Amino acid sequence: MAALMKPEAPLWPTLWAFTLTTCALVMGSAGGPSFLDSGELIAAARELGGIHPPGHPAWMSLAPAAEWIPWGAYGARVVWLSAIFAGLSAALVTRIASRWLGASMGL
């Protein structure tokens, strides 16, 4: 049974994916509402309201956590929180890929 288990993949690709994705999105962010539904999303996050369908329920339940970021305008904090969520998503995909493909890719 132990022969079927894969060795633990290294953590550095996951950390790099999170860091690079988050930094790139924060550096390229508008710092507030800029295009399409961004203003509506920021207002709904601030007031704990709903938005037009499909409503993005997972994002709407997590976006009020932007209050915990201690600096910047609320719009910028929501943008930074979205960048952190994107970085976590990239890290998760990288972690899964390195576990599945790690030995064949030299990771």
C-alpha atoms as a PDB file:
ATOM      1  CA  MET A   1       0.000   0.000   0.000  1.00  0.00           C
ATOM      2  CA  ALA A   2       2.831   2.408   0.799  1.00  0.00           C
ATOM      3  CA  ALA A   3       4.263   1.901  -2.686  1.00  0.00           C
ATOM      4  CA  LEU A   4       1.095   3.407  -4.177  1.00  0.00           C
ATOM      5  CA  MET A   5       1.435   6.662  -2.263  1.00  0.00           C
ATOM      6  CA  LYS A   6       3.285   9.456  -4.017  1.00  0.00           C
ATOM      7  CA  PRO A   7       5.964  11.371  -2.129  1.00  0.00           C
ATOM      8  CA  GLU A   8       5.068  14.824  -0.916  1.00  0.00           C
ATOM      9  CA  ALA A   9       5.593  17.461  -3.593  1.00  0.00           C
ATOM     10  CA  PRO A  10       7.850  20.421  -2.719  1.00  0.00           C
ATOM     11  CA  LEU A  11       6.138  23.550  -1.489  1.00  0.00           C
ATOM     12  CA  TRP A  12       8.185  26.162  -3.395  1.00  0.00           C
ATOM     13  CA  PRO A  13       6.162  26.048  -6.667  1.00  0.00           C
ATOM     14  CA  THR A  14       2.983  26.649  -4.677  1.00  0.00           C
ATOM     15  CA  LEU A  15       4.467  29.590  -2.803  1.00  0.00           C
ATOM     16  CA  TRP A  16       5.853  31.094  -6.015  1.00  0.00           C
ATOM     17  CA  ALA A  17       2.484  30.755  -7.762  1.00  0.00           C
ATOM     18  CA  PHE A  18       0.717  32.528  -4.889  1.00  0.00           C
ATOM     19  CA  THR A  19       3.327  35.273  -4.584  1.00  0.00           C
ATOM     20  CA  LEU A  20       3.691  36.029  -8.286  1.00  0.00           C
ATOM     21  CA  THR A  21      -0.044  35.972  -9.000  1.00  0.00           C
ATOM     22  CA  THR A  22      -0.972  38.122  -6.020  1.00  0.00           C
ATOM     23  CA  CYS A  23       1.819  40.653  -6.618  1.00  0.00           C
ATOM     24  CA  ALA A  24       1.052  40.940 -10.330  1.00  0.00           C
ATOM     25  CA  LEU A  25      -2.642  41.535  -9.682  1.00  0.00           C
ATOM     26  CA  VAL A  26      -2.053  44.033  -6.864  1.00  0.00           C
ATOM     27  CA  MET A  27       0.496  45.975  -8.924  1.00  0.00           C
ATOM     28  CA  GLY A  28      -1.827  46.056 -11.926  1.00  0.00           C
ATOM     29  CA  SER A  29      -5.007  46.847 -10.020  1.00  0.00           C
ATOM     30  CA  ALA A  30      -6.979  50.029 -10.476  1.00  0.00           C
ATOM     31  CA  GLY A  31      -7.301  50.637  -6.748  1.00  0.00           C
ATOM     32  CA  GLY A  32     -11.062  51.023  -6.880  1.00  0.00           C
ATOM     33  CA  PRO A  33     -14.058  50.714  -9.159  1.00  0.00           C
ATOM     34  CA  SER A  34     -13.031  50.931 -12.766  1.00  0.00           C
ATOM     35  CA  PHE A  35     -14.974  48.861 -15.283  1.00  0.00           C
ATOM     36  CA  LEU A  36     -18.266  47.021 -15.753  1.00  0.00           C
ATOM     37  CA  ASP A  37     -19.626  45.659 -12.452  1.00  0.00           C
ATOM     38  CA  SER A  38     -16.720  46.552 -10.174  1.00  0.00           C
ATOM     39  CA  GLY A  39     -18.530  49.450  -8.505  1.00  0.00           C
ATOM     40  CA  GLU A  40     -21.619  47.335  -7.948  1.00  0.00           C
ATOM     41  CA  LEU A  41     -19.545  44.527  -6.439  1.00  0.00           C
ATOM     42  CA  ILE A  42     -17.715  46.904  -4.088  1.00  0.00           C
ATOM     43  CA  ALA A  43     -20.956  48.563  -2.956  1.00  0.00           C
ATOM     44  CA  ALA A  44     -22.639  45.213  -2.378  1.00  0.00           C
ATOM     45  CA  ALA A  45     -19.645  43.961  -0.386  1.00  0.00           C
ATOM     46  CA  ARG A  46     -19.678  47.091   1.773  1.00  0.00           C
ATOM     47  CA  GLU A  47     -23.417  46.967   2.457  1.00  0.00           C
ATOM     48  CA  LEU A  48     -23.699  43.143   2.510  1.00  0.00           C
ATOM     49  CA  GLY A  49     -26.210  43.381  -0.304  1.00  0.00           C
ATOM     50  CA  GLY A  50     -26.937  41.319  -3.352  1.00  0.00           C
ATOM     51  CA  ILE A  51     -26.018  41.904  -6.962  1.00  0.00           C
ATOM     52  CA  HIS A  52     -27.593  40.951 -10.256  1.00  0.00           C
ATOM     53  CA  PRO A  53     -27.715  37.242 -11.225  1.00  0.00           C
ATOM     54  CA  PRO A  54     -25.743  35.021 -10.896  1.00  0.00           C
ATOM     55  CA  GLY A  55     -24.836  36.950  -7.742  1.00  0.00           C
ATOM     56  CA  HIS A  56     -21.406  35.416  -7.069  1.00  0.00           C
ATOM     57  CA  PRO A  57     -22.432  34.028  -3.646  1.00  0.00           C
ATOM     58  CA  ALA A  58     -18.992  32.753  -2.602  1.00  0.00           C
ATOM     59  CA  TRP A  59     -17.296  36.065  -3.403  1.00  0.00           C
ATOM     60  CA  MET A  60     -20.104  38.047  -1.748  1.00  0.00           C
ATOM     61  CA  SER A  61     -19.761  36.045   1.463  1.00  0.00           C
ATOM     62  CA  LEU A  62     -15.959  36.525   1.563  1.00  0.00           C
ATOM     63  CA  ALA A  63     -15.633  40.118   0.306  1.00  0.00           C
ATOM     64  CA  PRO A  64     -16.628  41.776   3.617  1.00  0.00           C
ATOM     65  CA  ALA A  65     -13.305  40.451   4.951  1.00  0.00           C
ATOM     66  CA  ALA A  66     -11.794  43.477   3.176  1.00  0.00           C
ATOM     67  CA  GLU A  67     -12.656  45.401   6.352  1.00  0.00           C
ATOM     68  CA  TRP A  68      -9.770  43.555   8.030  1.00  0.00           C
ATOM     69  CA  ILE A  69      -7.149  45.032   5.696  1.00  0.00           C
ATOM     70  CA  PRO A  70      -5.937  48.020   7.723  1.00  0.00           C
ATOM     71  CA  TRP A  71      -4.926  50.486   4.987  1.00  0.00           C
ATOM     72  CA  GLY A  72      -6.326  52.045   1.826  1.00  0.00           C
ATOM     73  CA  ALA A  73      -9.768  52.972   0.605  1.00  0.00           C
ATOM     74  CA  TYR A  74     -12.461  50.320   0.783  1.00  0.00           C
ATOM     75  CA  GLY A  75     -12.503  49.875  -2.998  1.00  0.00           C
ATOM     76  CA  ALA A  76      -8.767  49.220  -3.057  1.00  0.00           C
ATOM     77  CA  ARG A  77      -9.080  46.766  -0.176  1.00  0.00           C
ATOM     78  CA  VAL A  78     -11.721  44.769  -2.056  1.00  0.00           C
ATOM     79  CA  VAL A  79      -9.465  44.700  -5.122  1.00  0.00           C
ATOM     80  CA  TRP A  80      -6.523  43.490  -2.996  1.00  0.00           C
ATOM     81  CA  LEU A  81      -8.690  40.815  -1.399  1.00  0.00           C
ATOM     82  CA  SER A  82      -9.708  39.616  -4.860  1.00  0.00           C
ATOM     83  CA  ALA A  83      -6.013  39.457  -5.787  1.00  0.00           C
ATOM     84  CA  ILE A  84      -5.349  37.336  -2.704  1.00  0.00           C
ATOM     85  CA  PHE A  85      -8.204  34.989  -3.681  1.00  0.00           C
ATOM     86  CA  ALA A  86      -6.757  34.693  -7.198  1.00  0.00           C
ATOM     87  CA  GLY A  87      -3.326  33.964  -5.719  1.00  0.00           C
ATOM     88  CA  LEU A  88      -4.806  31.238  -3.527  1.00  0.00           C
ATOM     89  CA  SER A  89      -6.510  29.737  -6.581  1.00  0.00           C
ATOM     90  CA  ALA A  90      -3.237  29.744  -8.527  1.00  0.00           C
ATOM     91  CA  ALA A  91      -1.465  28.156  -5.565  1.00  0.00           C
ATOM     92  CA  LEU A  92      -4.091  25.424  -5.314  1.00  0.00           C
ATOM     93  CA  VAL A  93      -3.869  24.615  -9.028  1.00  0.00           C
ATOM     94  CA  THR A  94      -0.066  24.574  -8.809  1.00  0.00           C
ATOM     95  CA  ARG A  95      -0.155  22.310  -5.758  1.00  0.00           C
ATOM     96  CA  ILE A  96      -2.473  19.838  -7.465  1.00  0.00           C
ATOM     97  CA  ALA A  97      -0.412  19.876 -10.668  1.00  0.00           C
ATOM     98  CA  SER A  98       2.858  19.384  -8.796  1.00  0.00           C
ATOM     99  CA  ARG A  99       1.385  16.450  -6.878  1.00  0.00           C
ATOM    100  CA  TRP A 100       0.113  14.801 -10.077  1.00  0.00           C
ATOM    101  CA  LEU A 101       2.907  15.708 -12.473  1.00  0.00           C
ATOM    102  CA  GLY A 102       5.793  16.468 -10.140  1.00  0.00           C
ATOM    103  CA  ALA A 103       7.986  13.443 -10.812  1.00  0.00           C
ATOM    104  CA  SER A 104       7.589  13.690 -14.568  1.00  0.00           C
ATOM    105  CA  MET A 105       8.365  17.435 -14.558  1.00  0.00           C
ATOM    106  CA  GLY A 106      11.279  17.303 -12.151  1.00  0.00           C
ATOM    107  CA  LEU A 107       9.465  19.075  -9.330  1.00  0.00           C
END
